[in-house]
Amino acid sequence: METKVSSTTKEVVISSNKQTILIGERINPTGKKKLAEALRQGDFELVRLEAKQQVAAGADILDVNVGTGGVDEVKVLPEVVKVVMEAVDVPLCLDSGDSKALEAALKVYKGKALVNSVKGTEHSLEEVLPLVKAHGAAVIALPADERGIPEDAATRLEIIDKIINRCGKLGIPLEDIVVDCLALSVGVNSNAAIATLETARMVKEKYGVNQTVGASNISFSLPGREPINTVFLGLVIAAGVTCPVVDVAKVRKGIMATDLLLGHDRFSRRYLKYYRENQDMF
């Protein structure tokens, strides 16, 4: 199963048979006061810097989110998308809960975007999926609905069934659906990681589609988050995640090791090259 997304000059192929694709998470104002204020002021230099730094750190795709108080997403998201496209040549993941903002961003995007995301609510299905189809995009399917985010994998799979069924009716191919197996904090629920892993395994077995996860959510509210995130990533990649949303600079070393151990790095070439270029990090 191959999910292909692209910029004007670069295509990225997401597949369980290839190296893990990294979606950079840092262009998101949540918890970032400086970025939030810059977006409110219409100053996009910090966005440009974050884009370049993440690609330099090894990001294959960049998530772009401008959702914060005082920001008109319909106006600002397409402006930021244009800034990021000028700064780097990787594909973008357009991230908004506002369908009008997604539509505005898709209109200016050059290439095949990844849309983040569609939920299992009727409102989301009716608003987002036609945009995905009209613009030939790929889409992240989020197993949440009117009830919120289910804690158990079986209910999450039911919502994924619903989303995939609706995609099929609209002619959105299975390979253009990326499932978010959803990570919630183990600091709040000690079984949260188990539910995520079970969801990933069930989705992989039933559909074989590519999967993502917001990895850092697993350690929210806990101290010493980096080792938790790194170990969690190894587990979910083994379970079926192929393109996690991550702070690339912090976790790339661990993901390189995971790909090596899972047989996605023939003769250890990528790992050895990375080690030679970044010995000071080991």
C-alpha atoms as a PDB file:
ATOM      1  CA  MET A   1       0.000   0.000   0.000  1.00  0.00           C
ATOM      2  CA  GLU A   2       1.632   3.225  -1.164  1.00  0.00           C
ATOM      3  CA  THR A   3       0.391   6.704  -0.295  1.00  0.00           C
ATOM      4  CA  LYS A   4       1.973   9.341  -2.512  1.00  0.00           C
ATOM      5  CA  VAL A   5       2.090  13.045  -1.658  1.00  0.00           C
ATOM      6  CA  SER A   6       4.096  15.729  -3.389  1.00  0.00           C
ATOM      7  CA  SER A   7       5.330  19.291  -3.571  1.00  0.00           C
ATOM      8  CA  THR A   8       6.048  20.962  -6.900  1.00  0.00           C
ATOM      9  CA  THR A   9       9.423  19.212  -7.134  1.00  0.00           C
ATOM     10  CA  LYS A  10       9.407  16.272  -4.738  1.00  0.00           C
ATOM     11  CA  GLU A  11       7.265  13.165  -4.295  1.00  0.00           C
ATOM     12  CA  VAL A  12       7.223  11.253  -1.018  1.00  0.00           C
ATOM     13  CA  VAL A  13       6.006   7.650  -0.965  1.00  0.00           C
ATOM     14  CA  ILE A  14       4.646   6.323   2.323  1.00  0.00           C
ATOM     15  CA  SER A  15       4.713   2.529   2.594  1.00  0.00           C
ATOM     16  CA  SER A  16       5.280  -0.218   5.155  1.00  0.00           C
ATOM     17  CA  ASN A  17       7.966  -1.613   2.844  1.00  0.00           C
ATOM     18  CA  LYS A  18      10.021   1.580   2.953  1.00  0.00           C
ATOM     19  CA  GLN A  19      11.732   3.735   5.556  1.00  0.00           C
ATOM     20  CA  THR A  20       9.542   5.508   8.090  1.00  0.00           C
ATOM     21  CA  ILE A  21       8.382   8.862   6.754  1.00  0.00           C
ATOM     22  CA  LEU A  22       8.664  11.705   9.260  1.00  0.00           C
ATOM     23  CA  ILE A  23       6.030  14.447   9.429  1.00  0.00           C
ATOM     24  CA  GLY A  24       7.473  17.472  11.198  1.00  0.00           C
ATOM     25  CA  GLU A  25       5.152  18.840  13.886  1.00  0.00           C
ATOM     26  CA  ARG A  26       6.669  22.172  14.829  1.00  0.00           C
ATOM     27  CA  ILE A  27       4.663  24.588  12.662  1.00  0.00           C
ATOM     28  CA  ASN A  28       1.847  24.506  15.187  1.00  0.00           C
ATOM     29  CA  PRO A  29       1.199  27.318  17.699  1.00  0.00           C
ATOM     30  CA  THR A  30      -0.179  25.009  20.398  1.00  0.00           C
ATOM     31  CA  GLY A  31       2.068  25.518  23.422  1.00  0.00           C
ATOM     32  CA  LYS A  32       4.349  27.893  21.481  1.00  0.00           C
ATOM     33  CA  LYS A  33       3.715  31.457  22.647  1.00  0.00           C
ATOM     34  CA  LYS A  34       6.228  33.085  20.293  1.00  0.00           C
ATOM     35  CA  LEU A  35       4.831  31.347  17.238  1.00  0.00           C
ATOM     36  CA  ALA A  36       1.236  32.082  18.254  1.00  0.00           C
ATOM     37  CA  GLU A  37       2.002  35.779  18.701  1.00  0.00           C
ATOM     38  CA  ALA A  38       3.924  35.929  15.414  1.00  0.00           C
ATOM     39  CA  LEU A  39       0.954  34.435  13.578  1.00  0.00           C
ATOM     40  CA  ARG A  40      -1.386  36.962  15.167  1.00  0.00           C
ATOM     41  CA  GLN A  41       0.923  39.755  13.988  1.00  0.00           C
ATOM     42  CA  GLY A  42       1.208  38.350  10.474  1.00  0.00           C
ATOM     43  CA  ASP A  43       4.936  37.777  10.935  1.00  0.00           C
ATOM     44  CA  PHE A  44       5.894  34.515   9.230  1.00  0.00           C
ATOM     45  CA  GLU A  45       9.687  34.564   9.652  1.00  0.00           C
ATOM     46  CA  LEU A  46       9.540  32.100  12.548  1.00  0.00           C
ATOM     47  CA  VAL A  47       7.430  29.800  10.362  1.00  0.00           C
ATOM     48  CA  ARG A  48      10.051  30.031   7.626  1.00  0.00           C
ATOM     49  CA  LEU A  49      12.827  29.232  10.111  1.00  0.00           C
ATOM     50  CA  GLU A  50      10.960  26.264  11.603  1.00  0.00           C
ATOM     51  CA  ALA A  51      10.327  24.871   8.118  1.00  0.00           C
ATOM     52  CA  LYS A  52      13.994  25.045   7.130  1.00  0.00           C
ATOM     53  CA  GLN A  53      15.233  23.619  10.441  1.00  0.00           C
ATOM     54  CA  GLN A  54      12.852  20.672  10.334  1.00  0.00           C
ATOM     55  CA  VAL A  55      13.789  19.731   6.788  1.00  0.00           C
ATOM     56  CA  ALA A  56      17.474  20.049   7.695  1.00  0.00           C
ATOM     57  CA  ALA A  57      16.820  17.689  10.634  1.00  0.00           C
ATOM     58  CA  GLY A  58      15.305  15.109   8.294  1.00  0.00           C
ATOM     59  CA  ALA A  59      11.576  15.849   7.981  1.00  0.00           C
ATOM     60  CA  ASP A  60      10.032  14.331   4.863  1.00  0.00           C
ATOM     61  CA  ILE A  61       6.677  16.164   5.163  1.00  0.00           C
ATOM     62  CA  LEU A  62       5.753  19.248   7.186  1.00  0.00           C
ATOM     63  CA  ASP A  63       2.513  19.626   9.108  1.00  0.00           C
ATOM     64  CA  VAL A  64       1.201  23.208   8.870  1.00  0.00           C
ATOM     65  CA  ASN A  65      -1.228  24.374  11.557  1.00  0.00           C
ATOM     66  CA  VAL A  66      -2.062  27.993  12.453  1.00  0.00           C
ATOM     67  CA  GLY A  67      -4.962  27.372  14.829  1.00  0.00           C
ATOM     68  CA  THR A  68      -4.775  29.679  17.840  1.00  0.00           C
ATOM     69  CA  GLY A  69      -6.786  32.486  19.389  1.00  0.00           C
ATOM     70  CA  GLY A  70      -6.837  35.704  17.416  1.00  0.00           C
ATOM     71  CA  VAL A  71      -5.854  34.089  14.109  1.00  0.00           C
ATOM     72  CA  ASP A  72      -8.239  33.961  11.148  1.00  0.00           C
ATOM     73  CA  GLU A  73      -7.361  30.513   9.814  1.00  0.00           C
ATOM     74  CA  VAL A  74      -9.178  31.016   6.525  1.00  0.00           C
ATOM     75  CA  LYS A  75      -6.895  33.966   5.770  1.00  0.00           C
ATOM     76  CA  VAL A  76      -3.673  32.916   7.490  1.00  0.00           C
ATOM     77  CA  LEU A  77      -3.398  29.195   6.651  1.00  0.00           C
ATOM     78  CA  PRO A  78      -3.044  29.729   2.869  1.00  0.00           C
ATOM     79  CA  GLU A  79      -0.578  32.574   3.490  1.00  0.00           C
ATOM     80  CA  VAL A  80       1.563  30.342   5.704  1.00  0.00           C
ATOM     81  CA  VAL A  81       1.331  27.488   3.199  1.00  0.00           C
ATOM     82  CA  LYS A  82       2.749  29.780   0.516  1.00  0.00           C
ATOM     83  CA  VAL A  83       5.580  30.869   2.830  1.00  0.00           C
ATOM     84  CA  VAL A  84       6.501  27.256   3.620  1.00  0.00           C
ATOM     85  CA  MET A  85       6.362  26.244  -0.053  1.00  0.00           C
ATOM     86  CA  GLU A  86       8.818  29.036  -0.827  1.00  0.00           C
ATOM     87  CA  ALA A  87      11.141  28.015   2.035  1.00  0.00           C
ATOM     88  CA  VAL A  88      11.371  24.239   1.474  1.00  0.00           C
ATOM     89  CA  ASP A  89      10.566  21.676  -1.216  1.00  0.00           C
ATOM     90  CA  VAL A  90       8.885  18.914   0.836  1.00  0.00           C
ATOM     91  CA  PRO A  91       5.166  18.022   0.671  1.00  0.00           C
ATOM     92  CA  LEU A  92       2.833  19.589   3.226  1.00  0.00           C
ATOM     93  CA  CYS A  93       0.215  18.245   5.597  1.00  0.00           C
ATOM     94  CA  LEU A  94      -2.544  20.875   5.824  1.00  0.00           C
ATOM     95  CA  ASP A  95      -3.785  20.772   9.394  1.00  0.00           C
ATOM     96  CA  SER A  96      -7.017  22.480  10.437  1.00  0.00           C
ATOM     97  CA  GLY A  97     -10.389  21.700  11.943  1.00  0.00           C
ATOM     98  CA  ASP A  98     -11.901  24.459   9.811  1.00  0.00           C
ATOM     99  CA  SER A  99     -13.023  23.137   6.418  1.00  0.00           C
ATOM    100  CA  LYS A 100     -13.033  26.636   4.913  1.00  0.00           C
ATOM    101  CA  ALA A 101      -9.397  27.095   5.942  1.00  0.00           C
ATOM    102  CA  LEU A 102      -8.539  23.719   4.420  1.00  0.00           C
ATOM    103  CA  GLU A 103     -10.275  24.703   1.188  1.00  0.00           C
ATOM    104  CA  ALA A 104      -8.383  28.006   1.040  1.00  0.00           C
ATOM    105  CA  ALA A 105      -5.072  26.220   1.647  1.00  0.00           C
ATOM    106  CA  LEU A 106      -5.774  23.501  -0.918  1.00  0.00           C
ATOM    107  CA  LYS A 107      -6.482  26.171  -3.541  1.00  0.00           C
ATOM    108  CA  VAL A 108      -2.979  27.649  -3.207  1.00  0.00           C
ATOM    109  CA  TYR A 109      -1.094  24.407  -2.616  1.00  0.00           C
ATOM    110  CA  LYS A 110       1.037  23.166  -5.502  1.00  0.00           C
ATOM    111  CA  GLY A 111       1.276  19.394  -5.496  1.00  0.00           C
ATOM    112  CA  LYS A 112      -0.645  16.607  -3.779  1.00  0.00           C
ATOM    113  CA  ALA A 113      -1.291  17.530  -0.166  1.00  0.00           C
ATOM    114  CA  LEU A 114      -2.076  15.440   2.885  1.00  0.00           C
ATOM    115  CA  VAL A 115      -5.163  16.784   4.675  1.00  0.00           C
ATOM    116  CA  ASN A 116      -5.220  16.571   8.461  1.00  0.00           C
ATOM    117  CA  SER A 117      -7.915  15.432   9.138  1.00  0.00           C
ATOM    118  CA  VAL A 118     -11.384  13.971   8.759  1.00  0.00           C
ATOM    119  CA  LYS A 119     -13.307  12.655  11.762  1.00  0.00           C
ATOM    120  CA  GLY A 120     -16.206  10.233  11.933  1.00  0.00           C
ATOM    121  CA  THR A 121     -18.774  12.944  12.586  1.00  0.00           C
ATOM    122  CA  GLU A 122     -21.304  13.642   9.855  1.00  0.00           C
ATOM    123  CA  HIS A 123     -20.262  17.292   9.795  1.00  0.00           C
ATOM    124  CA  SER A 124     -16.610  16.429   9.204  1.00  0.00           C
ATOM    125  CA  LEU A 125     -17.367  13.745   6.618  1.00  0.00           C
ATOM    126  CA  GLU A 126     -19.646  16.065   4.664  1.00  0.00           C
ATOM    127  CA  GLU A 127     -17.320  19.067   4.830  1.00  0.00           C
ATOM    128  CA  VAL A 128     -13.849  17.558   4.424  1.00  0.00           C
ATOM    129  CA  LEU A 129     -14.138  14.545   2.126  1.00  0.00           C
ATOM    130  CA  PRO A 130     -15.513  16.460  -0.886  1.00  0.00           C
ATOM    131  CA  LEU A 131     -12.513  18.815  -0.612  1.00  0.00           C
ATOM    132  CA  VAL A 132     -10.127  15.862  -0.537  1.00  0.00           C
ATOM    133  CA  LYS A 133     -11.764  14.391  -3.625  1.00  0.00           C
ATOM    134  CA  ALA A 134     -11.954  17.697  -5.530  1.00  0.00           C
ATOM    135  CA  HIS A 135      -8.265  18.491  -4.993  1.00  0.00           C
ATOM    136  CA  GLY A 136      -6.928  14.946  -5.400  1.00  0.00           C
ATOM    137  CA  ALA A 137      -5.415  15.017  -1.929  1.00  0.00           C
ATOM    138  CA  ALA A 138      -4.680  12.272   0.589  1.00  0.00           C
ATOM    139  CA  VAL A 139      -6.404  12.446   3.970  1.00  0.00           C
ATOM    140  CA  ILE A 140      -5.757  11.474   7.577  1.00  0.00           C
ATOM    141  CA  ALA A 141      -8.697   9.591   9.110  1.00  0.00           C
ATOM    142  CA  LEU A 142      -9.133  10.295  12.807  1.00  0.00           C
ATOM    143  CA  PRO A 143     -11.108   7.724  14.847  1.00  0.00           C
ATOM    144  CA  ALA A 144     -13.159  10.260  16.772  1.00  0.00           C
ATOM    145  CA  ASP A 145     -16.833  11.123  16.460  1.00  0.00           C
ATOM    146  CA  GLU A 146     -19.660  12.847  18.328  1.00  0.00           C
ATOM    147  CA  ARG A 147     -18.753  10.818  21.413  1.00  0.00           C
ATOM    148  CA  GLY A 148     -15.158  12.027  21.387  1.00  0.00           C
ATOM    149  CA  ILE A 149     -12.091   9.767  21.205  1.00  0.00           C
ATOM    150  CA  PRO A 150     -12.866   6.174  22.248  1.00  0.00           C
ATOM    151  CA  GLU A 151     -10.481   4.654  24.748  1.00  0.00           C
ATOM    152  CA  ASP A 152     -10.726   1.161  23.250  1.00  0.00           C
ATOM    153  CA  ALA A 153      -9.373  -0.036  19.917  1.00  0.00           C
ATOM    154  CA  ALA A 154     -12.551  -1.839  18.827  1.00  0.00           C
ATOM    155  CA  THR A 155     -14.656   1.341  18.893  1.00  0.00           C
ATOM    156  CA  ARG A 156     -11.903   3.273  17.141  1.00  0.00           C
ATOM    157  CA  LEU A 157     -11.932   0.657  14.386  1.00  0.00           C
ATOM    158  CA  GLU A 158     -15.704   1.059  13.969  1.00  0.00           C
ATOM    159  CA  ILE A 159     -15.196   4.770  13.284  1.00  0.00           C
ATOM    160  CA  ILE A 160     -12.390   4.022  10.828  1.00  0.00           C
ATOM    161  CA  ASP A 161     -14.734   1.574   9.067  1.00  0.00           C
ATOM    162  CA  LYS A 162     -17.265   4.385   8.684  1.00  0.00           C
ATOM    163  CA  ILE A 163     -14.724   6.866   7.310  1.00  0.00           C
ATOM    164  CA  ILE A 164     -13.224   4.390   4.851  1.00  0.00           C
ATOM    165  CA  ASN A 165     -16.703   3.413   3.656  1.00  0.00           C
ATOM    166  CA  ARG A 166     -17.587   7.055   2.998  1.00  0.00           C
ATOM    167  CA  CYS A 167     -14.291   7.619   1.205  1.00  0.00           C
ATOM    168  CA  GLY A 168     -15.066   4.669  -1.031  1.00  0.00           C
ATOM    169  CA  LYS A 169     -18.470   6.071  -1.926  1.00  0.00           C
ATOM    170  CA  LEU A 170     -16.838   9.328  -3.002  1.00  0.00           C
ATOM    171  CA  GLY A 171     -14.179   7.571  -5.038  1.00  0.00           C
ATOM    172  CA  ILE A 172     -11.282   8.350  -2.688  1.00  0.00           C
ATOM    173  CA  PRO A 173      -8.951   5.341  -3.041  1.00  0.00           C
ATOM    174  CA  LEU A 174      -7.816   3.329  -0.052  1.00  0.00           C
ATOM    175  CA  GLU A 175      -4.183   4.239  -0.683  1.00  0.00           C
ATOM    176  CA  ASP A 176      -5.034   7.911  -0.156  1.00  0.00           C
ATOM    177  CA  ILE A 177      -6.318   7.266   3.381  1.00  0.00           C
ATOM    178  CA  VAL A 178      -3.841   7.467   6.258  1.00  0.00           C
ATOM    179  CA  VAL A 179      -5.248   6.354   9.604  1.00  0.00           C
ATOM    180  CA  ASP A 180      -4.290   8.166  12.796  1.00  0.00           C
ATOM    181  CA  CYS A 181      -4.267   5.425  15.428  1.00  0.00           C
ATOM    182  CA  LEU A 182      -4.413   8.156  18.103  1.00  0.00           C
ATOM    183  CA  ALA A 183      -2.175   8.550  21.110  1.00  0.00           C
ATOM    184  CA  LEU A 184      -3.462   9.857  24.423  1.00  0.00           C
ATOM    185  CA  SER A 185      -1.416  10.522  27.535  1.00  0.00           C
ATOM    186  CA  VAL A 186      -0.328   7.558  29.634  1.00  0.00           C
ATOM    187  CA  GLY A 187      -0.074  10.081  32.463  1.00  0.00           C
ATOM    188  CA  VAL A 188      -3.876  10.227  32.417  1.00  0.00           C
ATOM    189  CA  ASN A 189      -4.673   6.650  31.371  1.00  0.00           C
ATOM    190  CA  SER A 190      -2.099   3.916  31.930  1.00  0.00           C
ATOM    191  CA  ASN A 191      -3.653   1.831  29.124  1.00  0.00           C
ATOM    192  CA  ALA A 192      -3.487   4.624  26.521  1.00  0.00           C
ATOM    193  CA  ALA A 193      -0.443   3.237  24.715  1.00  0.00           C
ATOM    194  CA  ILE A 194      -1.928  -0.259  24.641  1.00  0.00           C
ATOM    195  CA  ALA A 195      -5.088   1.083  22.970  1.00  0.00           C
ATOM    196  CA  THR A 196      -2.981   2.868  20.340  1.00  0.00           C
ATOM    197  CA  LEU A 197      -0.938  -0.245  19.593  1.00  0.00           C
ATOM    198  CA  GLU A 198      -4.047  -2.416  19.359  1.00  0.00           C
ATOM    199  CA  THR A 199      -5.660   0.090  17.005  1.00  0.00           C
ATOM    200  CA  ALA A 200      -2.589   0.130  14.757  1.00  0.00           C
ATOM    201  CA  ARG A 201      -2.439  -3.665  14.604  1.00  0.00           C
ATOM    202  CA  MET A 202      -6.161  -4.008  13.860  1.00  0.00           C
ATOM    203  CA  VAL A 203      -6.099  -1.361  11.120  1.00  0.00           C
ATOM    204  CA  LYS A 204      -3.018  -2.924   9.543  1.00  0.00           C
ATOM    205  CA  GLU A 205      -4.585  -6.391   9.544  1.00  0.00           C
ATOM    206  CA  LYS A 206      -7.971  -5.273   8.192  1.00  0.00           C
ATOM    207  CA  TYR A 207      -7.008  -2.591   5.670  1.00  0.00           C
ATOM    208  CA  GLY A 208      -3.223  -2.477   5.270  1.00  0.00           C
ATOM    209  CA  VAL A 209      -3.363   1.306   4.935  1.00  0.00           C
ATOM    210  CA  ASN A 210      -0.617   3.649   6.024  1.00  0.00           C
ATOM    211  CA  GLN A 211      -0.867   5.036   9.527  1.00  0.00           C
ATOM    212  CA  THR A 212       0.267   8.045  11.511  1.00  0.00           C
ATOM    213  CA  VAL A 213       0.234   9.121  15.149  1.00  0.00           C
ATOM    214  CA  GLY A 214       0.983  12.298  17.064  1.00  0.00           C
ATOM    215  CA  ALA A 215       3.741  10.633  19.035  1.00  0.00           C
ATOM    216  CA  SER A 216       4.393  13.274  21.694  1.00  0.00           C
ATOM    217  CA  ASN A 217       0.798  13.092  22.937  1.00  0.00           C
ATOM    218  CA  ILE A 218       1.658   9.824  24.676  1.00  0.00           C
ATOM    219  CA  SER A 219       3.852  11.576  27.270  1.00  0.00           C
ATOM    220  CA  PHE A 220       1.799  14.733  27.784  1.00  0.00           C
ATOM    221  CA  SER A 221       1.884  15.955  31.427  1.00  0.00           C
ATOM    222  CA  LEU A 222       4.838  13.715  32.313  1.00  0.00           C
ATOM    223  CA  PRO A 223       8.479  14.697  33.025  1.00  0.00           C
ATOM    224  CA  GLY A 224      11.371  13.255  31.019  1.00  0.00           C
ATOM    225  CA  ARG A 225       9.223  12.930  27.915  1.00  0.00           C
ATOM    226  CA  GLU A 226      11.877  12.216  25.278  1.00  0.00           C
ATOM    227  CA  PRO A 227      12.646   8.559  26.170  1.00  0.00           C
ATOM    228  CA  ILE A 228       8.929   7.801  26.500  1.00  0.00           C
ATOM    229  CA  ASN A 229       8.280   9.225  23.048  1.00  0.00           C
ATOM    230  CA  THR A 230      11.223   7.391  21.485  1.00  0.00           C
ATOM    231  CA  VAL A 231      10.306   3.973  22.886  1.00  0.00           C
ATOM    232  CA  PHE A 232       6.647   4.511  21.995  1.00  0.00           C
ATOM    233  CA  LEU A 233       7.609   5.320  18.409  1.00  0.00           C
ATOM    234  CA  GLY A 234       9.530   2.063  18.106  1.00  0.00           C
ATOM    235  CA  LEU A 235       6.496   0.131  19.319  1.00  0.00           C
ATOM    236  CA  VAL A 236       3.928   1.843  17.078  1.00  0.00           C
ATOM    237  CA  ILE A 237       6.128   1.628  13.982  1.00  0.00           C
ATOM    238  CA  ALA A 238       6.431  -2.111  14.570  1.00  0.00           C
ATOM    239  CA  ALA A 239       2.633  -2.245  14.957  1.00  0.00           C
ATOM    240  CA  GLY A 240       1.929  -0.498  11.645  1.00  0.00           C
ATOM    241  CA  VAL A 241       2.616   3.251  11.824  1.00  0.00           C
ATOM    242  CA  THR A 242       4.465   4.418   8.720  1.00  0.00           C
ATOM    243  CA  CYS A 243       4.479   8.232   8.972  1.00  0.00           C
ATOM    244  CA  PRO A 244       4.388   9.585  12.552  1.00  0.00           C
ATOM    245  CA  VAL A 245       4.036  13.280  13.378  1.00  0.00           C
ATOM    246  CA  VAL A 246       7.128  14.128  15.417  1.00  0.00           C
ATOM    247  CA  ASP A 247       9.687  16.666  16.522  1.00  0.00           C
ATOM    248  CA  VAL A 248      12.181  15.290  14.021  1.00  0.00           C
ATOM    249  CA  ALA A 249      15.362  16.615  15.614  1.00  0.00           C
ATOM    250  CA  LYS A 250      14.557  14.831  18.876  1.00  0.00           C
ATOM    251  CA  VAL A 251      13.501  11.407  17.602  1.00  0.00           C
ATOM    252  CA  ARG A 252      15.201  10.784  14.269  1.00  0.00           C
ATOM    253  CA  LYS A 253      18.039   8.809  15.830  1.00  0.00           C
ATOM    254  CA  GLY A 254      15.597   6.398  17.475  1.00  0.00           C
ATOM    255  CA  ILE A 255      13.557   6.017  14.297  1.00  0.00           C
ATOM    256  CA  MET A 256      16.714   5.267  12.311  1.00  0.00           C
ATOM    257  CA  ALA A 257      17.439   2.463  14.797  1.00  0.00           C
ATOM    258  CA  THR A 258      13.849   1.214  14.571  1.00  0.00           C
ATOM    259  CA  ASP A 259      13.962   1.042  10.771  1.00  0.00           C
ATOM    260  CA  LEU A 260      17.279  -0.806  11.011  1.00  0.00           C
ATOM    261  CA  LEU A 261      15.852  -3.427  13.383  1.00  0.00           C
ATOM    262  CA  LEU A 262      12.685  -3.887  11.309  1.00  0.00           C
ATOM    263  CA  GLY A 263      14.646  -4.634   8.153  1.00  0.00           C
ATOM    264  CA  HIS A 264      13.941  -1.349   6.388  1.00  0.00           C
ATOM    265  CA  ASP A 265      17.621  -0.401   6.101  1.00  0.00           C
ATOM    266  CA  ARG A 266      19.467  -2.755   3.774  1.00  0.00           C
ATOM    267  CA  PHE A 267      23.009  -3.456   4.970  1.00  0.00           C
ATOM    268  CA  SER A 268      22.559  -0.697   7.618  1.00  0.00           C
ATOM    269  CA  ARG A 269      23.482   1.923   5.022  1.00  0.00           C
ATOM    270  CA  ARG A 270      21.156   4.708   6.221  1.00  0.00           C
ATOM    271  CA  TYR A 271      22.015   4.159   9.870  1.00  0.00           C
ATOM    272  CA  LEU A 272      25.761   4.149   9.225  1.00  0.00           C
ATOM    273  CA  LYS A 273      25.537   7.265   7.060  1.00  0.00           C
ATOM    274  CA  TYR A 274      23.505   9.016   9.742  1.00  0.00           C
ATOM    275  CA  TYR A 275      25.997   7.948  12.416  1.00  0.00           C
ATOM    276  CA  ARG A 276      28.987   9.243  10.451  1.00  0.00           C
ATOM    277  CA  GLU A 277      27.282  12.602   9.933  1.00  0.00           C
ATOM    278  CA  ASN A 278      26.015  12.947  13.519  1.00  0.00           C
ATOM    279  CA  GLN A 279      28.532  11.216  15.790  1.00  0.00           C
ATOM    280  CA  ASP A 280      28.259  13.975  18.359  1.00  0.00           C
ATOM    281  CA  MET A 281      24.637  12.922  18.996  1.00  0.00           C
ATOM    282  CA  PHE A 282      25.585   9.369  20.007  1.00  0.00           C
END
